[in-house]
Amino acid sequence: MKKRQEILEGIGLKFIRFTDSDVRNNVEGVVKYLEVLIEEMTTP
């Protein structure tokens, strides 16, 4: 699995991982994190 991720990262894809606990118990925090990350990635 790691090798596949390395190949995909090599072509510019990014992987973001969250624990099940974060998704279940802090979905607002997960969404906020993603919003900030997207904003950083799309701001020139």
C-alpha atoms as a PDB file:
ATOM      1  CA  MET A   1       0.000   0.000   0.000  1.00  0.00           C
ATOM      2  CA  LYS A   2       2.791   2.442   0.861  1.00  0.00           C
ATOM      3  CA  LYS A   3       4.446   1.919  -2.512  1.00  0.00           C
ATOM      4  CA  ARG A   4       1.190   2.855  -4.289  1.00  0.00           C
ATOM      5  CA  GLN A   5       0.936   6.000  -2.176  1.00  0.00           C
ATOM      6  CA  GLU A   6       4.531   6.939  -2.993  1.00  0.00           C
ATOM      7  CA  ILE A   7       3.840   6.541  -6.714  1.00  0.00           C
ATOM      8  CA  LEU A   8       0.740   8.706  -6.512  1.00  0.00           C
ATOM      9  CA  GLU A   9       2.549  11.342  -4.440  1.00  0.00           C
ATOM     10  CA  GLY A  10       5.231  11.331  -7.121  1.00  0.00           C
ATOM     11  CA  ILE A  11       2.677  12.627  -9.619  1.00  0.00           C
ATOM     12  CA  GLY A  12       1.508  15.363  -7.282  1.00  0.00           C
ATOM     13  CA  LEU A  13      -1.373  13.820  -5.340  1.00  0.00           C
ATOM     14  CA  LYS A  14      -1.595  14.479  -1.625  1.00  0.00           C
ATOM     15  CA  PHE A  15      -2.915  12.129   1.020  1.00  0.00           C
ATOM     16  CA  ILE A  16      -4.728  13.356   4.086  1.00  0.00           C
ATOM     17  CA  ARG A  17      -5.512  10.921   6.860  1.00  0.00           C
ATOM     18  CA  PHE A  18      -7.771  11.253   9.861  1.00  0.00           C
ATOM     19  CA  THR A  19      -8.442   8.828  12.650  1.00  0.00           C
ATOM     20  CA  ASP A  20     -11.868   7.227  12.893  1.00  0.00           C
ATOM     21  CA  SER A  21     -12.197   8.936  16.249  1.00  0.00           C
ATOM     22  CA  ASP A  22     -11.620  12.391  14.752  1.00  0.00           C
ATOM     23  CA  VAL A  23     -14.166  11.802  12.020  1.00  0.00           C
ATOM     24  CA  ARG A  24     -16.760  10.455  14.448  1.00  0.00           C
ATOM     25  CA  ASN A  25     -16.190  12.855  17.333  1.00  0.00           C
ATOM     26  CA  ASN A  26     -14.797  15.989  15.714  1.00  0.00           C
ATOM     27  CA  VAL A  27     -16.198  16.166  12.209  1.00  0.00           C
ATOM     28  CA  GLU A  28     -16.368  19.974  12.416  1.00  0.00           C
ATOM     29  CA  GLY A  29     -12.637  20.096  13.122  1.00  0.00           C
ATOM     30  CA  VAL A  30     -11.914  17.749  10.231  1.00  0.00           C
ATOM     31  CA  VAL A  31     -13.984  19.868   7.853  1.00  0.00           C
ATOM     32  CA  LYS A  32     -12.310  23.068   9.071  1.00  0.00           C
ATOM     33  CA  TYR A  33      -8.875  21.509   8.556  1.00  0.00           C
ATOM     34  CA  LEU A  34      -9.825  20.539   5.005  1.00  0.00           C
ATOM     35  CA  GLU A  35     -11.188  24.015   4.275  1.00  0.00           C
ATOM     36  CA  VAL A  36      -7.943  25.631   5.425  1.00  0.00           C
ATOM     37  CA  LEU A  37      -5.844  23.144   3.461  1.00  0.00           C
ATOM     38  CA  ILE A  38      -7.865  23.704   0.284  1.00  0.00           C
ATOM     39  CA  GLU A  39      -7.608  27.455   0.710  1.00  0.00           C
ATOM     40  CA  GLU A  40      -3.820  27.219   1.109  1.00  0.00           C
ATOM     41  CA  MET A  41      -3.535  24.998  -1.964  1.00  0.00           C
ATOM     42  CA  THR A  42      -5.644  27.252  -4.179  1.00  0.00           C
ATOM     43  CA  THR A  43      -4.320  30.642  -3.114  1.00  0.00           C
ATOM     44  CA  PRO A  44      -1.718  31.929  -5.568  1.00  0.00           C
END
